[in-house]
Amino acid sequence: MNTIDVGVLFDNAAQDYDRTRRQYIPCFDDFYGAALQLLPANRDAALRVMDLGAGTGLFASLARSLLPNARFTLCDISEAMLAQAHKRFANDAQVDFLIADYVDGALPAGEYDVVLSALSIHHTPHEKLPRVFAKIFGALKAGGLFINADQALGSTPHNEALYEQQWLAGVRAKGCTEADIAIAQARKKADKTATMEQQLAWLRDAGFTNVDCWYKHFRFAVYAGERP
């Protein structure tokens, strides 16, 4: 992605990634909680679930606790991130790991009941994002569900500035040091965030139905769509 190598960026962040999650996401509980509420109602079903950009497995672990009979595939471009996920799921035979670039590579077709993603897809350049959503659509079985907990760009420069002001106030209130903030700001150089309206439009263009944004707190948003 131009001068920013996202895989290297998150390889370097892997050891410290989980520690700062609740600080970097001031609305952490509501943000992830909203995404988890969208999981299929039949929590005991033997579902196939893929987590795209799974990182250390944080989102997958939250979903896994609610889907005891599901089989999970954690996909990420960063080997170091997935190494941390291996530790998290060391004794779980129902979790598989896939080192892959879902932006420029392929995804298995028609295998999954649910595709999850959290704070990953916003690293995708806008010109490639419609194709990523199309690949996610293709990876789902009929009736499958895509849930994305991610970021949205402000709809105007004014609104984006307000997002940034709110984020800075929130992370400082959560105890982030200025060094922590500087690390986060460096990672944000890899962001290719699109507005919420544009992301929902791309989902619909890919063929998803029942597309909606179910939660939004400034730049943090949860949206979903279904494959008919």
Protein backbone atom coordinates (compact mmCIF):
# COMPACT_ATOMS: atom_id res chain seq x y z
CA MET A 1 0.00 0.00 0.00
CA ASN A 2 2.27 2.74 -1.29
CA THR A 3 4.98 3.52 1.29
CA ILE A 4 3.15 1.88 4.19
CA ASP A 5 3.55 -1.88 4.54
CA VAL A 6 0.60 -2.89 6.70
CA GLY A 7 1.98 -6.37 7.40
CA VAL A 8 5.23 -4.94 8.76
CA LEU A 9 3.34 -2.27 10.68
CA PHE A 10 1.32 -4.84 12.58
CA ASP A 11 4.17 -7.31 12.93
CA ASN A 12 5.90 -4.57 14.89
CA ALA A 13 2.78 -3.86 16.95
CA ALA A 14 1.88 -7.46 17.79
CA GLN A 15 3.46 -7.75 21.23
CA ASP A 16 1.69 -4.66 22.57
CA TYR A 17 -1.50 -4.70 20.53
CA ASP A 18 -3.99 -6.08 23.05
CA ARG A 19 -2.77 -3.96 25.95
CA THR A 20 -3.87 -0.74 24.31
CA ARG A 21 -7.16 -1.89 22.73
CA ARG A 22 -9.44 -0.56 25.47
CA GLN A 23 -7.49 2.69 25.57
CA TYR A 24 -7.35 3.29 21.82
CA ILE A 25 -11.06 2.47 21.49
CA PRO A 26 -12.75 4.58 24.17
CA CYS A 27 -16.15 3.00 23.34
CA PHE A 28 -14.65 -0.53 23.39
CA ASP A 29 -17.50 -2.35 25.20
CA ASP A 30 -20.32 -0.81 23.19
CA PHE A 31 -18.39 -1.12 19.90
CA TYR A 32 -17.58 -4.82 20.19
CA GLY A 33 -20.83 -5.50 22.05
CA ALA A 34 -22.89 -4.17 19.14
CA ALA A 35 -20.98 -6.40 16.70
CA LEU A 36 -21.48 -9.47 18.86
CA GLN A 37 -25.22 -8.82 19.11
CA LEU A 38 -25.42 -9.25 15.33
CA LEU A 39 -24.15 -12.86 15.43
CA PRO A 40 -26.68 -15.51 14.31
CA ALA A 41 -29.43 -16.17 16.83
CA ASN A 42 -28.75 -19.93 16.88
CA ARG A 43 -25.61 -19.76 18.99
CA ASP A 44 -25.32 -23.55 19.29
CA ALA A 45 -25.13 -24.19 15.53
CA ALA A 46 -22.01 -25.70 13.94
CA LEU A 47 -21.19 -22.54 12.01
CA ARG A 48 -18.14 -21.80 9.86
CA VAL A 49 -16.74 -18.39 10.78
CA MET A 50 -13.88 -16.44 9.21
CA ASP A 51 -12.26 -13.44 10.90
CA LEU A 52 -10.55 -11.23 8.29
CA GLY A 53 -7.58 -9.26 9.57
CA ALA A 54 -7.90 -11.25 12.77
CA GLY A 55 -4.73 -9.88 14.34
CA THR A 56 -4.15 -11.35 17.79
CA GLY A 57 -7.60 -12.96 17.74
CA LEU A 58 -9.31 -10.49 20.05
CA PHE A 59 -12.60 -10.20 18.12
CA ALA A 60 -12.59 -13.91 17.29
CA SER A 61 -12.15 -14.78 20.97
CA LEU A 62 -15.18 -12.69 21.91
CA ALA A 63 -17.27 -14.32 19.19
CA ARG A 64 -15.90 -17.77 20.03
CA SER A 65 -17.19 -17.47 23.58
CA LEU A 66 -20.72 -17.05 22.19
CA LEU A 67 -20.49 -19.72 19.46
CA PRO A 68 -19.27 -22.87 21.23
CA ASN A 69 -19.81 -25.22 18.28
CA ALA A 70 -18.46 -22.99 15.53
CA ARG A 71 -15.23 -23.56 13.62
CA PHE A 72 -13.18 -20.41 13.18
CA THR A 73 -10.60 -19.46 10.58
CA LEU A 74 -8.41 -16.52 11.54
CA CYS A 75 -6.94 -14.78 8.49
CA ASP A 76 -4.25 -12.11 8.66
CA ILE A 77 -1.34 -10.81 6.60
CA SER A 78 0.89 -10.49 9.70
CA GLU A 79 2.63 -13.66 10.88
CA ALA A 80 3.53 -11.98 14.18
CA MET A 81 -0.10 -11.08 14.86
CA LEU A 82 -1.25 -14.63 14.14
CA ALA A 83 1.52 -15.95 16.39
CA GLN A 84 -0.16 -14.07 19.23
CA ALA A 85 -3.51 -15.53 18.16
CA HIS A 86 -1.99 -19.02 18.27
CA LYS A 87 -1.15 -18.40 21.93
CA ARG A 88 -4.66 -17.17 22.66
CA PHE A 89 -6.24 -20.29 21.11
CA ALA A 90 -3.49 -22.78 21.99
CA ASN A 91 -5.89 -25.43 23.30
CA ASP A 92 -8.77 -24.88 20.88
CA ALA A 93 -8.95 -27.46 18.09
CA GLN A 94 -11.84 -25.56 16.49
CA VAL A 95 -9.66 -22.63 15.43
CA ASP A 96 -7.55 -22.59 12.24
CA PHE A 97 -5.08 -19.97 11.06
CA LEU A 98 -4.46 -18.60 7.58
CA ILE A 99 -1.66 -16.20 6.66
CA ALA A 100 -3.03 -14.38 3.62
CA ASP A 101 -3.54 -10.98 2.05
CA TYR A 102 -7.30 -10.76 1.62
CA VAL A 103 -7.01 -7.46 -0.26
CA ASP A 104 -4.95 -8.72 -3.20
CA GLY A 105 -5.37 -12.48 -2.77
CA ALA A 106 -8.32 -14.84 -3.05
CA LEU A 107 -10.76 -16.07 -0.41
CA PRO A 108 -12.36 -19.54 -0.33
CA ALA A 109 -15.71 -19.47 -2.12
CA GLY A 110 -19.02 -20.26 -0.44
CA GLU A 111 -17.57 -21.80 2.73
CA TYR A 112 -18.62 -19.52 5.58
CA ASP A 113 -21.79 -18.78 7.49
CA VAL A 114 -20.28 -15.66 9.02
CA VAL A 115 -17.40 -13.41 8.03
CA LEU A 116 -16.22 -11.06 10.77
CA SER A 117 -13.73 -8.24 10.68
CA ALA A 118 -12.64 -5.62 13.19
CA LEU A 119 -10.43 -2.60 12.58
CA SER A 120 -8.77 -4.08 9.52
CA ILE A 121 -10.67 -3.27 6.33
CA HIS A 122 -10.08 0.47 6.73
CA HIS A 123 -6.47 -0.16 5.63
CA THR A 124 -7.73 -1.02 2.14
CA PRO A 125 -7.34 1.59 -0.62
CA HIS A 126 -10.71 2.84 -1.82
CA GLU A 127 -10.19 1.59 -5.36
CA LYS A 128 -9.75 -1.97 -4.02
CA LEU A 129 -12.48 -1.97 -1.39
CA PRO A 130 -15.43 -2.81 -3.69
CA ARG A 131 -13.51 -5.91 -4.82
CA VAL A 132 -12.81 -6.88 -1.19
CA PHE A 133 -16.52 -6.67 -0.39
CA ALA A 134 -17.26 -8.77 -3.48
CA LYS A 135 -14.77 -11.42 -2.29
CA ILE A 136 -16.39 -11.45 1.15
CA PHE A 137 -19.79 -11.88 -0.49
CA GLY A 138 -18.37 -14.80 -2.48
CA ALA A 139 -16.86 -16.42 0.61
CA LEU A 140 -20.26 -16.60 2.31
CA LYS A 141 -22.83 -19.34 1.94
CA ALA A 142 -26.33 -18.34 0.90
CA GLY A 143 -27.90 -16.69 3.93
CA GLY A 144 -24.47 -15.86 5.32
CA LEU A 145 -23.68 -12.74 7.30
CA PHE A 146 -20.85 -10.19 7.15
CA ILE A 147 -20.20 -8.09 10.27
CA ASN A 148 -17.62 -5.31 10.23
CA ALA A 149 -16.58 -3.36 13.33
CA ASP A 150 -14.37 -0.65 11.92
CA GLN A 151 -13.79 3.04 11.34
CA ALA A 152 -15.56 5.61 9.18
CA LEU A 153 -14.23 8.84 7.79
CA GLY A 154 -16.13 11.98 8.71
CA SER A 155 -18.62 12.97 6.02
CA THR A 156 -17.00 16.42 5.86
CA PRO A 157 -13.56 17.73 6.86
CA HIS A 158 -15.28 19.54 9.74
CA ASN A 159 -16.81 16.30 11.02
CA GLU A 160 -13.52 14.41 10.62
CA ALA A 161 -11.80 17.06 12.75
CA LEU A 162 -14.47 16.54 15.42
CA TYR A 163 -13.89 12.78 15.26
CA GLU A 164 -10.19 13.34 15.89
CA GLN A 165 -10.81 15.76 18.76
CA GLN A 166 -13.20 13.30 20.40
CA TRP A 167 -10.77 10.42 19.95
CA LEU A 168 -7.89 12.34 21.52
CA ALA A 169 -10.04 13.33 24.49
CA GLY A 170 -11.29 9.76 24.87
CA VAL A 171 -7.91 8.02 24.77
CA ARG A 172 -6.40 10.50 27.21
CA ALA A 173 -9.32 9.91 29.57
CA LYS A 174 -8.61 6.18 29.29
CA GLY A 175 -5.01 6.70 30.43
CA CYS A 176 -3.10 6.71 27.15
CA THR A 177 0.28 8.35 27.45
CA GLU A 178 1.52 10.77 24.81
CA ALA A 179 3.88 7.99 23.68
CA ASP A 180 0.90 5.64 23.22
CA ILE A 181 -0.88 8.32 21.22
CA ALA A 182 2.18 8.87 19.03
CA ILE A 183 2.28 5.12 18.27
CA ALA A 184 -1.39 5.16 17.31
CA GLN A 185 -0.92 8.22 15.13
CA ALA A 186 1.96 6.48 13.32
CA ARG A 187 -0.25 3.44 12.63
CA LYS A 188 -3.00 5.73 11.32
CA LYS A 189 -0.73 6.63 8.42
CA ALA A 190 -1.79 3.28 6.94
CA ASP A 191 -5.50 4.17 7.18
CA LYS A 192 -7.54 4.50 3.98
CA THR A 193 -10.83 5.15 5.74
CA ALA A 194 -13.98 5.83 3.70
CA THR A 195 -17.19 7.50 4.82
CA MET A 196 -19.96 5.38 6.27
CA GLU A 197 -22.24 6.20 3.33
CA GLN A 198 -19.64 5.02 0.82
CA GLN A 199 -18.92 1.77 2.67
CA LEU A 200 -22.60 0.87 2.86
CA ALA A 201 -23.03 1.69 -0.84
CA TRP A 202 -20.13 -0.61 -1.77
CA LEU A 203 -21.70 -3.42 0.28
CA ARG A 204 -24.98 -3.05 -1.60
CA ASP A 205 -23.14 -2.93 -4.92
CA ALA A 206 -21.45 -6.24 -4.01
CA GLY A 207 -24.90 -7.86 -3.65
CA PHE A 208 -25.44 -7.68 0.12
CA THR A 209 -28.98 -7.17 1.41
CA ASN A 210 -30.29 -5.86 4.74
CA VAL A 211 -27.27 -3.57 4.83
CA ASP A 212 -27.25 -1.21 7.79
CA CYS A 213 -25.05 0.62 10.26
CA TRP A 214 -26.05 -0.72 13.67
CA TYR A 215 -23.73 1.30 15.88
CA LYS A 216 -21.71 4.48 15.47
CA HIS A 217 -19.71 6.52 17.96
CA PHE A 218 -17.91 9.23 16.03
CA ARG A 219 -15.45 7.27 13.81
CA PHE A 220 -16.12 3.83 15.33
CA ALA A 221 -18.92 2.01 13.53
CA VAL A 222 -20.47 -1.45 13.22
CA TYR A 223 -22.26 -2.38 10.02
CA ALA A 224 -23.44 -5.61 8.44
CA GLY A 225 -24.99 -7.19 5.38
CA GLU A 226 -26.38 -10.57 4.36
CA ARG A 227 -25.82 -12.73 1.30
CA PRO A 228 -29.27 -13.71 -0.06
